[in-house]
Amino acid sequence: MAGPRVEVDGGVLEGGGQILRVSTALSCLLGVPLRVQKIRAGRSTPGLRPQHLSGLEMIRDLCDGQLDGAAIGSTEVTFTPGKIRGGTHTADTKTAGCPCPVSSLPHPHRSCV
C-alpha cells in the first residue's frame, strides 16, 4: 500500500521488542508503511532475535507485505503491508522462548497472562 512511511524509534522506553511487535501489527492492520530503527537498543544484545524475526515474517505473510532488512541482529527494518489475507499462519521461533509475544502479533490488543 502507498502512503507516507511511519518512522519508529525502537529504542524508546524500555527499548525491547514490544514496540516492534505493536508497530508492525498496527502497520499491517492500518495499511501504513513502516520503518523501525534502533531495534531493541535498550538490550544487552540489540537487534532482532529469532523470535522477533519469526513474528515479523508471520505478519508479512498475514498481509502479503514486503519486509526488508530483517535478519538476526538487524537493528533496522522496513515493512510495507499489502492486503490482509485469511488462512492458516504459523511461526516457529526455533528457540525455547515464550510464544506469547509472537502470538500477540496478529492481536495487538491482547496479551498473555
C-alpha atoms as a PDB file:
ATOM      1  CA  MET A   1       0.000   0.000   0.000  1.00  0.00           C
ATOM      2  CA  ALA A   2       1.188   3.505  -0.716  1.00  0.00           C
ATOM      3  CA  GLY A   3       1.460   6.445   1.610  1.00  0.00           C
ATOM      4  CA  PRO A   4       3.975   8.123   3.863  1.00  0.00           C
ATOM      5  CA  ARG A   5       6.187   5.762   5.839  1.00  0.00           C
ATOM      6  CA  VAL A   6       5.902   5.962   9.628  1.00  0.00           C
ATOM      7  CA  GLU A   7       9.272   6.176  11.403  1.00  0.00           C
ATOM      8  CA  VAL A   8       9.542   4.409  14.769  1.00  0.00           C
ATOM      9  CA  ASP A   9      12.430   4.613  17.232  1.00  0.00           C
ATOM     10  CA  GLY A  10      12.706   1.110  18.678  1.00  0.00           C
ATOM     11  CA  GLY A  11      14.958   2.311  21.483  1.00  0.00           C
ATOM     12  CA  VAL A  12      12.363   4.390  23.345  1.00  0.00           C
ATOM     13  CA  LEU A  13      11.080   3.476  26.803  1.00  0.00           C
ATOM     14  CA  GLU A  14      12.359   0.012  27.750  1.00  0.00           C
ATOM     15  CA  GLY A  15      13.964  -0.439  24.319  1.00  0.00           C
ATOM     16  CA  GLY A  16      12.777  -4.032  23.910  1.00  0.00           C
ATOM     17  CA  GLY A  17      10.722  -5.917  21.356  1.00  0.00           C
ATOM     18  CA  GLN A  18       7.256  -4.686  22.345  1.00  0.00           C
ATOM     19  CA  ILE A  19       7.409  -1.510  20.263  1.00  0.00           C
ATOM     20  CA  LEU A  20       8.485  -3.578  17.251  1.00  0.00           C
ATOM     21  CA  ARG A  21       5.627  -6.067  17.715  1.00  0.00           C
ATOM     22  CA  VAL A  22       2.917  -3.465  18.225  1.00  0.00           C
ATOM     23  CA  SER A  23       4.042  -1.056  15.492  1.00  0.00           C
ATOM     24  CA  THR A  24       4.335  -3.837  12.901  1.00  0.00           C
ATOM     25  CA  ALA A  25       0.927  -5.299  13.789  1.00  0.00           C
ATOM     26  CA  LEU A  26      -0.671  -1.852  13.563  1.00  0.00           C
ATOM     27  CA  SER A  27       1.103  -1.211  10.264  1.00  0.00           C
ATOM     28  CA  CYS A  28      -0.463  -4.386   8.893  1.00  0.00           C
ATOM     29  CA  LEU A  29      -3.936  -3.563  10.225  1.00  0.00           C
ATOM     30  CA  LEU A  30      -3.899   0.065   9.096  1.00  0.00           C
ATOM     31  CA  GLY A  31      -2.066  -0.453   5.792  1.00  0.00           C
ATOM     32  CA  VAL A  32       0.629   2.083   6.674  1.00  0.00           C
ATOM     33  CA  PRO A  33       4.279   1.534   5.609  1.00  0.00           C
ATOM     34  CA  LEU A  34       6.731   1.452   8.492  1.00  0.00           C
ATOM     35  CA  ARG A  35      10.415   1.742   9.301  1.00  0.00           C
ATOM     36  CA  VAL A  36      11.673   0.746  12.734  1.00  0.00           C
ATOM     37  CA  GLN A  37      15.183   1.834  13.723  1.00  0.00           C
ATOM     38  CA  LYS A  38      17.288   1.110  16.816  1.00  0.00           C
ATOM     39  CA  ILE A  39      15.504  -2.215  17.346  1.00  0.00           C
ATOM     40  CA  ARG A  40      15.972  -3.424  20.926  1.00  0.00           C
ATOM     41  CA  ALA A  41      18.539  -0.703  21.521  1.00  0.00           C
ATOM     42  CA  GLY A  42      17.975  -0.966  25.268  1.00  0.00           C
ATOM     43  CA  ARG A  43      19.043  -4.609  25.420  1.00  0.00           C
ATOM     44  CA  SER A  44      22.477  -6.110  26.054  1.00  0.00           C
ATOM     45  CA  THR A  45      22.217  -7.768  22.607  1.00  0.00           C
ATOM     46  CA  PRO A  46      20.457  -5.211  20.391  1.00  0.00           C
ATOM     47  CA  GLY A  47      18.743  -6.129  17.158  1.00  0.00           C
ATOM     48  CA  LEU A  48      16.369  -8.849  16.071  1.00  0.00           C
ATOM     49  CA  ARG A  49      16.425 -12.192  17.855  1.00  0.00           C
ATOM     50  CA  PRO A  50      14.955 -15.338  16.247  1.00  0.00           C
ATOM     51  CA  GLN A  51      11.546 -14.872  17.871  1.00  0.00           C
ATOM     52  CA  HIS A  52      11.291 -11.280  16.582  1.00  0.00           C
ATOM     53  CA  LEU A  53      12.245 -12.327  13.065  1.00  0.00           C
ATOM     54  CA  SER A  54       9.717 -15.159  13.109  1.00  0.00           C
ATOM     55  CA  GLY A  55       6.981 -12.795  14.251  1.00  0.00           C
ATOM     56  CA  LEU A  56       7.826 -10.235  11.576  1.00  0.00           C
ATOM     57  CA  GLU A  57       7.727 -12.934   8.909  1.00  0.00           C
ATOM     58  CA  MET A  58       4.325 -14.078  10.170  1.00  0.00           C
ATOM     59  CA  ILE A  59       2.934 -10.537   9.930  1.00  0.00           C
ATOM     60  CA  ARG A  60       4.476 -10.139   6.464  1.00  0.00           C
ATOM     61  CA  ASP A  61       2.732 -13.332   5.334  1.00  0.00           C
ATOM     62  CA  LEU A  62      -0.541 -12.380   7.035  1.00  0.00           C
ATOM     63  CA  CYS A  63      -0.882  -9.238   4.946  1.00  0.00           C
ATOM     64  CA  ASP A  64       1.150 -10.244   1.887  1.00  0.00           C
ATOM     65  CA  GLY A  65       3.613  -7.480   2.730  1.00  0.00           C
ATOM     66  CA  GLN A  66       7.224  -6.686   1.943  1.00  0.00           C
ATOM     67  CA  LEU A  67       9.853  -6.869   4.683  1.00  0.00           C
ATOM     68  CA  ASP A  68      13.359  -5.508   4.110  1.00  0.00           C
ATOM     69  CA  GLY A  69      16.408  -5.639   6.354  1.00  0.00           C
ATOM     70  CA  ALA A  70      15.009  -8.420   8.519  1.00  0.00           C
ATOM     71  CA  ALA A  71      17.755 -10.760   9.741  1.00  0.00           C
ATOM     72  CA  ILE A  72      19.049 -11.918  13.112  1.00  0.00           C
ATOM     73  CA  GLY A  73      20.893  -8.958  14.655  1.00  0.00           C
ATOM     74  CA  SER A  74      19.340  -6.307  12.375  1.00  0.00           C
ATOM     75  CA  THR A  75      18.650  -3.017  14.114  1.00  0.00           C
ATOM     76  CA  GLU A  76      16.506  -1.565  11.323  1.00  0.00           C
ATOM     77  CA  VAL A  77      13.682  -2.979   9.208  1.00  0.00           C
ATOM     78  CA  THR A  78      11.224  -1.555   6.734  1.00  0.00           C
ATOM     79  CA  PHE A  79       7.792  -3.051   6.267  1.00  0.00           C
ATOM     80  CA  THR A  80       5.236  -2.328   3.580  1.00  0.00           C
ATOM     81  CA  PRO A  81       1.915  -4.053   4.206  1.00  0.00           C
ATOM     82  CA  GLY A  82      -0.289  -5.446   1.492  1.00  0.00           C
ATOM     83  CA  LYS A  83      -3.819  -6.773   1.707  1.00  0.00           C
ATOM     84  CA  ILE A  84      -4.664  -8.873   4.754  1.00  0.00           C
ATOM     85  CA  ARG A  85      -5.496 -12.423   3.775  1.00  0.00           C
ATOM     86  CA  GLY A  86      -7.080 -15.271   5.647  1.00  0.00           C
ATOM     87  CA  GLY A  87      -5.781 -18.760   6.110  1.00  0.00           C
ATOM     88  CA  THR A  88      -3.571 -20.649   8.488  1.00  0.00           C
ATOM     89  CA  HIS A  89      -0.392 -18.876   9.508  1.00  0.00           C
ATOM     90  CA  THR A  90       2.356 -20.466  11.561  1.00  0.00           C
ATOM     91  CA  ALA A  91       5.505 -19.163  13.182  1.00  0.00           C
ATOM     92  CA  ASP A  92       8.408 -21.186  14.543  1.00  0.00           C
ATOM     93  CA  THR A  93      10.852 -19.175  16.642  1.00  0.00           C
ATOM     94  CA  LYS A  94      13.314 -22.088  16.640  1.00  0.00           C
ATOM     95  CA  THR A  95      14.115 -21.143  20.240  1.00  0.00           C
ATOM     96  CA  ALA A  96      12.842 -22.061  23.664  1.00  0.00           C
ATOM     97  CA  GLY A  97      11.499 -18.541  24.139  1.00  0.00           C
ATOM     98  CA  CYS A  98       7.997 -17.668  25.287  1.00  0.00           C
ATOM     99  CA  PRO A  99       5.440 -17.950  22.462  1.00  0.00           C
ATOM    100  CA  CYS A 100       3.232 -15.191  23.908  1.00  0.00           C
ATOM    101  CA  PRO A 101       4.981 -12.224  22.253  1.00  0.00           C
ATOM    102  CA  VAL A 102       4.860 -13.916  18.834  1.00  0.00           C
ATOM    103  CA  SER A 103       1.241 -14.984  19.282  1.00  0.00           C
ATOM    104  CA  SER A 104       0.271 -11.432  20.260  1.00  0.00           C
ATOM    105  CA  LEU A 105       1.463 -10.019  16.918  1.00  0.00           C
ATOM    106  CA  PRO A 106      -1.752 -10.576  14.975  1.00  0.00           C
ATOM    107  CA  HIS A 107      -3.727  -9.417  18.029  1.00  0.00           C
ATOM    108  CA  PRO A 108      -2.029  -6.277  19.373  1.00  0.00           C
ATOM    109  CA  HIS A 109      -4.933  -5.661  21.760  1.00  0.00           C
ATOM    110  CA  ARG A 110      -4.315  -8.981  23.571  1.00  0.00           C
ATOM    111  CA  SER A 111      -1.554 -10.096  25.862  1.00  0.00           C
ATOM    112  CA  CYS A 112      -0.665 -13.364  27.533  1.00  0.00           C
ATOM    113  CA  VAL A 113      -1.152 -13.807  31.239  1.00  0.00           C
END
